[in-house]
């Protein structure tokens, strides 16, 4: 951070420095196929309820984050690790006056499953993490090192062996030390096949203005019954879930080089400002800032 020699601005008639809204900093990048990295230094920003289609493994570097998931409140403090299963609904926000600074590694369930299968070939299905916050100092440091290895500015051309080894070690430690037994079969909406059909329909119509009637027709349920079944299965009402699917798709399009306008059009947002508003509410940064943080 740059230093400035000039005195901070003051309000007229006051001897105290003018208050400034703390800057929320976030950076995303794709580390490899099926692996994304995220780091943030949030002072006041809070995430709304949402879910990820990837596993999420995080390390808290400073401060503390509070979040609620599956009806339980958690606080992850400096030095602790947080873990989220795919499609696990949660929120998040600061639990200390200093906010929270953390690093997150997102791993596609298929990629994570392949890594785990190498360490425990007899297990079938994917690990499930019932406890979301753990103390594991060795893994905490290991994840920070892995994060550094996958930074865009790092020249990883001569460190492939180290990257692969540390990634496999980390996956093994997560699965063998912190996962519940037995593994589970991950499939969004597997609690109810009708919910799965709704999710498939949403995925095929991300750019459309679909209605509750459309979704009810897919399932053969009444609209009210569908709302109850869908929320019980996913933890979110259909409109929220659909919006999150759109945002995840828009984010991946930006990762792949699409313009903000193209991403907005392809995911059903009215225009760039509409996408901007929802994108920033979800991840704390605008699509433009997100693109600027990517490795080009």
Protein backbone atom coordinates (compact mmCIF):
# COMPACT_ATOMS: atom_id res chain seq x y z
CA UNK A 1 0.00 0.00 0.00
CA UNK A 2 1.40 3.41 -0.94
CA UNK A 3 2.07 6.04 1.70
CA UNK A 4 0.96 9.66 1.35
CA UNK A 5 2.69 12.59 3.01
CA UNK A 6 -0.37 14.85 2.95
CA UNK A 7 -2.58 15.08 6.02
CA UNK A 8 -5.95 13.29 5.91
CA UNK A 9 -8.97 15.32 4.92
CA UNK A 10 -10.93 16.87 7.79
CA UNK A 11 -14.55 17.86 8.11
CA UNK A 12 -15.24 21.60 8.46
CA UNK A 13 -15.37 22.57 12.10
CA UNK A 14 -13.89 19.26 13.27
CA UNK A 15 -10.40 18.40 14.43
CA UNK A 16 -10.92 14.70 13.69
CA UNK A 17 -9.96 13.09 10.36
CA UNK A 18 -12.84 12.47 7.96
CA UNK A 19 -13.98 8.89 8.04
CA UNK A 20 -13.35 6.82 4.95
CA UNK A 21 -15.13 3.66 3.98
CA UNK A 22 -12.62 0.82 4.22
CA UNK A 23 -11.63 -0.63 0.88
CA UNK A 24 -12.81 -4.17 0.23
CA UNK A 25 -10.16 -6.11 -1.68
CA UNK A 26 -10.76 -9.38 -3.52
CA UNK A 27 -8.86 -11.26 -6.20
CA UNK A 28 -9.83 -14.35 -8.21
CA UNK A 29 -7.89 -16.48 -10.63
CA UNK A 30 -7.97 -19.88 -12.27
CA UNK A 31 -5.09 -22.01 -11.06
CA UNK A 32 -5.74 -25.05 -13.25
CA UNK A 33 -8.64 -26.93 -14.81
CA UNK A 34 -11.16 -27.40 -12.02
CA UNK A 35 -9.20 -25.34 -9.48
CA UNK A 36 -9.84 -21.66 -8.74
CA UNK A 37 -8.14 -19.45 -6.20
CA UNK A 38 -9.62 -16.55 -4.28
CA UNK A 39 -8.17 -14.17 -1.72
CA UNK A 40 -9.82 -11.26 0.02
CA UNK A 41 -9.33 -8.65 2.70
CA UNK A 42 -12.82 -7.61 3.77
CA UNK A 43 -13.50 -4.97 6.42
CA UNK A 44 -17.28 -4.72 6.40
CA UNK A 45 -18.46 -6.83 3.47
CA UNK A 46 -20.95 -9.62 4.18
CA UNK A 47 -21.96 -12.37 1.77
CA UNK A 48 -25.65 -13.15 1.31
CA UNK A 49 -26.79 -16.76 1.52
CA UNK A 50 -25.25 -18.63 -1.40
CA UNK A 51 -23.57 -21.87 -2.40
CA UNK A 52 -20.69 -23.01 -4.60
CA UNK A 53 -20.65 -25.84 -7.10
CA UNK A 54 -17.06 -26.58 -6.00
CA UNK A 55 -15.57 -27.64 -2.67
CA UNK A 56 -14.21 -24.59 -0.82
CA UNK A 57 -11.19 -24.83 1.49
CA UNK A 58 -10.03 -21.65 3.19
CA UNK A 59 -7.38 -20.35 5.54
CA UNK A 60 -7.99 -17.35 7.78
CA UNK A 61 -4.92 -15.09 7.70
CA UNK A 62 -6.15 -12.25 9.92
CA UNK A 63 -9.28 -11.28 11.81
CA UNK A 64 -12.25 -13.62 11.95
CA UNK A 65 -15.21 -14.57 9.78
CA UNK A 66 -18.64 -15.57 11.02
CA UNK A 67 -21.05 -17.60 8.94
CA UNK A 68 -24.15 -19.73 9.28
CA UNK A 69 -24.77 -23.03 7.53
CA UNK A 70 -27.15 -25.93 8.11
CA UNK A 71 -28.66 -24.05 11.04
CA UNK A 72 -25.37 -23.66 12.94
CA UNK A 73 -23.37 -20.48 13.56
CA UNK A 74 -19.59 -20.67 13.15
CA UNK A 75 -16.64 -18.34 13.67
CA UNK A 76 -13.35 -19.04 11.89
CA UNK A 77 -10.46 -17.06 13.40
CA UNK A 78 -6.87 -16.46 12.41
CA UNK A 79 -4.98 -19.72 11.96
CA UNK A 80 -8.11 -21.81 11.45
CA UNK A 81 -9.35 -23.62 8.36
CA UNK A 82 -12.87 -23.53 6.95
CA UNK A 83 -14.40 -26.19 4.70
CA UNK A 84 -17.55 -26.17 2.56
CA UNK A 85 -19.11 -29.00 0.59
CA UNK A 86 -20.44 -28.39 -2.93
CA UNK A 87 -23.86 -26.71 -2.92
CA UNK A 88 -23.76 -26.13 0.85
CA UNK A 89 -25.72 -22.94 1.54
CA UNK A 90 -23.99 -20.42 3.80
CA UNK A 91 -23.51 -16.72 4.38
CA UNK A 92 -20.48 -14.86 5.75
CA UNK A 93 -19.30 -11.64 7.31
CA UNK A 94 -16.80 -10.07 9.72
CA UNK A 95 -16.60 -11.38 13.28
CA UNK A 96 -13.98 -8.88 14.44
CA UNK A 97 -13.39 -5.14 14.28
CA UNK A 98 -10.54 -5.76 11.82
CA UNK A 99 -12.75 -7.67 9.40
CA UNK A 100 -11.32 -10.85 7.92
CA UNK A 101 -8.56 -11.71 5.49
CA UNK A 102 -8.51 -15.16 3.94
CA UNK A 103 -7.48 -17.36 1.06
CA UNK A 104 -9.87 -19.87 -0.55
CA UNK A 105 -9.18 -22.76 -2.90
CA UNK A 106 -12.20 -23.96 -4.92
CA UNK A 107 -11.93 -27.50 -6.31
CA UNK A 108 -14.30 -29.17 -8.75
CA UNK A 109 -15.85 -32.26 -7.08
CA UNK A 110 -14.61 -34.46 -9.94
CA UNK A 111 -11.03 -33.19 -9.56
CA UNK A 112 -11.14 -33.52 -5.78
CA UNK A 113 -12.59 -37.01 -6.08
CA UNK A 114 -9.75 -38.08 -8.36
CA UNK A 115 -7.18 -36.73 -5.90
CA UNK A 116 -8.84 -38.52 -2.98
CA UNK A 117 -9.11 -41.76 -4.96
CA UNK A 118 -5.32 -41.78 -5.32
CA UNK A 119 -4.90 -41.65 -1.56
CA UNK A 120 -7.71 -44.05 -0.66
CA UNK A 121 -8.61 -46.24 -3.67
CA UNK A 122 -11.12 -48.40 -1.75
CA UNK A 123 -13.39 -45.48 -0.90
CA UNK A 124 -16.19 -44.71 -3.32
CA UNK A 125 -18.04 -41.43 -3.56
CA UNK A 126 -16.79 -38.06 -2.36
CA UNK A 127 -15.80 -36.88 1.12
CA UNK A 128 -18.37 -34.97 3.14
CA UNK A 129 -17.24 -32.37 5.67
CA UNK A 130 -19.69 -32.16 8.57
CA UNK A 131 -17.49 -29.81 10.61
CA UNK A 132 -16.87 -26.52 8.84
CA UNK A 133 -14.07 -25.06 11.01
CA UNK A 134 -11.01 -26.96 12.23
CA UNK A 135 -7.65 -26.33 13.84
CA UNK A 136 -4.83 -27.88 11.81
CA UNK A 137 -1.69 -25.69 11.93
CA UNK A 138 0.26 -27.89 9.54
CA UNK A 139 -2.48 -27.86 6.90
CA UNK A 140 -3.02 -24.13 7.46
CA UNK A 141 0.61 -23.46 6.46
CA UNK A 142 0.47 -26.03 3.68
CA UNK A 143 -2.52 -24.32 2.08
CA UNK A 144 -0.81 -20.94 2.22
CA UNK A 145 2.19 -22.45 0.44
CA UNK A 146 -0.07 -24.05 -2.16
CA UNK A 147 -1.80 -20.71 -2.70
CA UNK A 148 1.57 -19.08 -3.39
CA UNK A 149 2.54 -21.83 -5.83
CA UNK A 150 -0.58 -21.19 -7.89
CA UNK A 151 -0.31 -17.39 -8.03
CA UNK A 152 -0.50 -16.04 -11.59
CA UNK A 153 2.71 -14.08 -11.16
CA UNK A 154 4.63 -17.19 -10.12
CA UNK A 155 6.59 -18.98 -12.82
CA UNK A 156 5.31 -22.49 -12.25
CA UNK A 157 6.94 -23.96 -15.35
CA UNK A 158 9.75 -25.49 -13.29
CA UNK A 159 7.65 -26.25 -10.20
CA UNK A 160 5.06 -28.65 -11.56
CA UNK A 161 6.29 -31.50 -9.38
CA UNK A 162 6.04 -29.34 -6.26
CA UNK A 163 2.57 -28.09 -7.22
CA UNK A 164 1.24 -31.58 -7.93
CA UNK A 165 2.76 -33.00 -4.75
CA UNK A 166 1.44 -30.27 -2.46
CA UNK A 167 -2.03 -30.43 -4.03
CA UNK A 168 -2.19 -34.19 -3.49
CA UNK A 169 -0.86 -33.91 0.08
CA UNK A 170 -3.47 -31.25 0.89
CA UNK A 171 -6.36 -33.25 -0.58
CA UNK A 172 -5.25 -36.35 1.32
CA UNK A 173 -5.00 -34.49 4.62
CA UNK A 174 -8.45 -32.95 4.17
CA UNK A 175 -10.07 -36.26 3.29
CA UNK A 176 -8.27 -38.52 5.75
CA UNK A 177 -8.18 -36.21 8.77
CA UNK A 178 -11.27 -34.02 8.50
CA UNK A 179 -13.94 -35.71 6.36
CA UNK A 180 -16.81 -37.64 7.88
CA UNK A 181 -17.21 -41.31 7.02
CA UNK A 182 -18.50 -42.74 4.82
CA UNK A 183 -18.02 -40.62 1.70
CA UNK A 184 -21.15 -39.40 -0.03
CA UNK A 185 -22.24 -39.19 -3.62
CA UNK A 186 -22.45 -35.54 -4.62
CA UNK A 187 -25.27 -34.62 -6.93
CA UNK A 188 -27.09 -31.28 -6.75
CA UNK A 189 -30.70 -31.80 -5.85
CA UNK A 190 -30.24 -35.54 -5.25
CA UNK A 191 -32.65 -35.27 -2.33
CA UNK A 192 -35.51 -35.22 -4.82
CA UNK A 193 -35.41 -36.14 -8.50
CA UNK A 194 -37.99 -33.46 -9.25
CA UNK A 195 -35.65 -30.84 -7.80
CA UNK A 196 -32.86 -32.20 -9.97
CA UNK A 197 -35.12 -31.77 -13.01
CA UNK A 198 -35.80 -28.15 -12.01
CA UNK A 199 -32.08 -27.44 -11.63
CA UNK A 200 -31.41 -28.97 -15.07
CA UNK A 201 -34.16 -26.80 -16.55
CA UNK A 202 -32.69 -23.69 -14.92
CA UNK A 203 -29.22 -24.51 -16.23
CA UNK A 204 -30.60 -24.78 -19.76
CA UNK A 205 -32.46 -21.47 -19.53
CA UNK A 206 -30.06 -19.10 -17.76
CA UNK A 207 -30.80 -16.34 -20.27
CA UNK A 208 -34.59 -16.72 -20.02
CA UNK A 209 -37.18 -15.03 -17.84
CA UNK A 210 -38.61 -18.26 -16.46
CA UNK A 211 -41.62 -18.36 -14.15
CA UNK A 212 -42.72 -20.50 -11.24
CA UNK A 213 -45.38 -21.93 -13.56
CA UNK A 214 -42.61 -23.10 -15.90
CA UNK A 215 -40.86 -24.93 -13.06
CA UNK A 216 -44.07 -26.43 -11.72
CA UNK A 217 -44.82 -27.79 -15.19
CA UNK A 218 -41.43 -29.53 -15.23
CA UNK A 219 -42.21 -31.37 -11.99
CA UNK A 220 -45.95 -31.84 -12.10
CA UNK A 221 -46.16 -30.32 -8.61
CA UNK A 222 -48.27 -27.40 -7.49
CA UNK A 223 -46.35 -24.15 -7.25
CA UNK A 224 -46.55 -24.09 -3.45
CA UNK A 225 -45.47 -27.74 -3.14
CA UNK A 226 -42.55 -27.08 -5.49
CA UNK A 227 -41.40 -24.14 -3.35
CA UNK A 228 -41.41 -26.31 -0.23
CA UNK A 229 -39.67 -29.27 -1.87
CA UNK A 230 -37.03 -27.12 -3.58
CA UNK A 231 -36.13 -25.18 -0.45
CA UNK A 232 -35.97 -28.35 1.65
CA UNK A 233 -33.60 -29.92 -0.89
CA UNK A 234 -31.29 -26.98 -1.61
CA UNK A 235 -31.66 -24.56 1.29
CA UNK A 236 -32.69 -21.74 -1.06
CA UNK A 237 -35.89 -20.67 -2.81
CA UNK A 238 -35.88 -21.25 -6.59
CA UNK A 239 -35.44 -17.57 -7.56
CA UNK A 240 -32.36 -17.18 -5.34
CA UNK A 241 -30.87 -20.45 -6.54
CA UNK A 242 -31.46 -19.42 -10.17
CA UNK A 243 -29.79 -16.06 -9.61
CA UNK A 244 -26.76 -17.76 -8.08
CA UNK A 245 -26.52 -20.12 -11.06
CA UNK A 246 -26.52 -17.10 -13.36
CA UNK A 247 -23.80 -15.38 -11.34
CA UNK A 248 -21.59 -18.47 -11.28
CA UNK A 249 -21.99 -18.80 -15.04
CA UNK A 250 -21.22 -15.11 -15.58
CA UNK A 251 -18.12 -15.42 -13.40
CA UNK A 252 -16.84 -18.38 -15.42
CA UNK A 253 -17.50 -16.52 -18.67
CA UNK A 254 -15.40 -13.62 -17.39
CA UNK A 255 -12.69 -16.11 -16.42
CA UNK A 256 -12.72 -17.35 -20.02
CA UNK A 257 -12.38 -13.87 -21.51
CA UNK A 258 -15.96 -12.82 -22.25
CA UNK A 259 -16.90 -9.17 -21.98
CA UNK A 260 -19.19 -7.98 -19.20
CA UNK A 261 -21.88 -7.19 -21.78
CA UNK A 262 -21.72 -10.70 -23.27
CA UNK A 263 -21.76 -12.32 -19.84
CA UNK A 264 -24.77 -10.24 -18.81
CA UNK A 265 -26.68 -11.12 -21.99
CA UNK A 266 -25.89 -14.83 -21.77
CA UNK A 267 -27.05 -15.10 -18.17
CA UNK A 268 -30.29 -13.17 -18.35
CA UNK A 269 -29.28 -9.91 -16.71
CA UNK A 270 -30.96 -6.84 -18.20
CA UNK A 271 -27.68 -5.02 -18.80
CA UNK A 272 -24.16 -4.53 -17.44
CA UNK A 273 -25.31 -2.42 -14.49
CA UNK A 274 -27.82 -5.12 -13.50
CA UNK A 275 -25.06 -7.77 -13.51
CA UNK A 276 -22.72 -5.36 -11.74
CA UNK A 277 -25.15 -4.85 -8.87
CA UNK A 278 -25.74 -8.57 -8.27
CA UNK A 279 -22.10 -9.55 -8.87
CA UNK A 280 -20.82 -7.04 -6.32
CA UNK A 281 -23.42 -8.09 -3.75
CA UNK A 282 -22.27 -11.69 -4.13
CA UNK A 283 -18.48 -11.32 -4.21
CA UNK A 284 -17.74 -7.83 -2.95
CA UNK A 285 -16.14 -6.61 -6.19
CA UNK A 286 -17.55 -5.42 -9.51
CA UNK A 287 -17.16 -7.48 -12.70
CA UNK A 288 -14.67 -4.86 -13.93
CA UNK A 289 -12.54 -5.23 -10.78
CA UNK A 290 -12.83 -9.01 -11.07
CA UNK A 291 -11.50 -8.90 -14.66
CA UNK A 292 -8.67 -6.58 -13.59
CA UNK A 293 -7.59 -9.12 -10.95
CA UNK A 294 -7.21 -11.93 -13.50
CA UNK A 295 -3.92 -12.95 -15.03
CA UNK A 296 -3.77 -11.75 -18.64
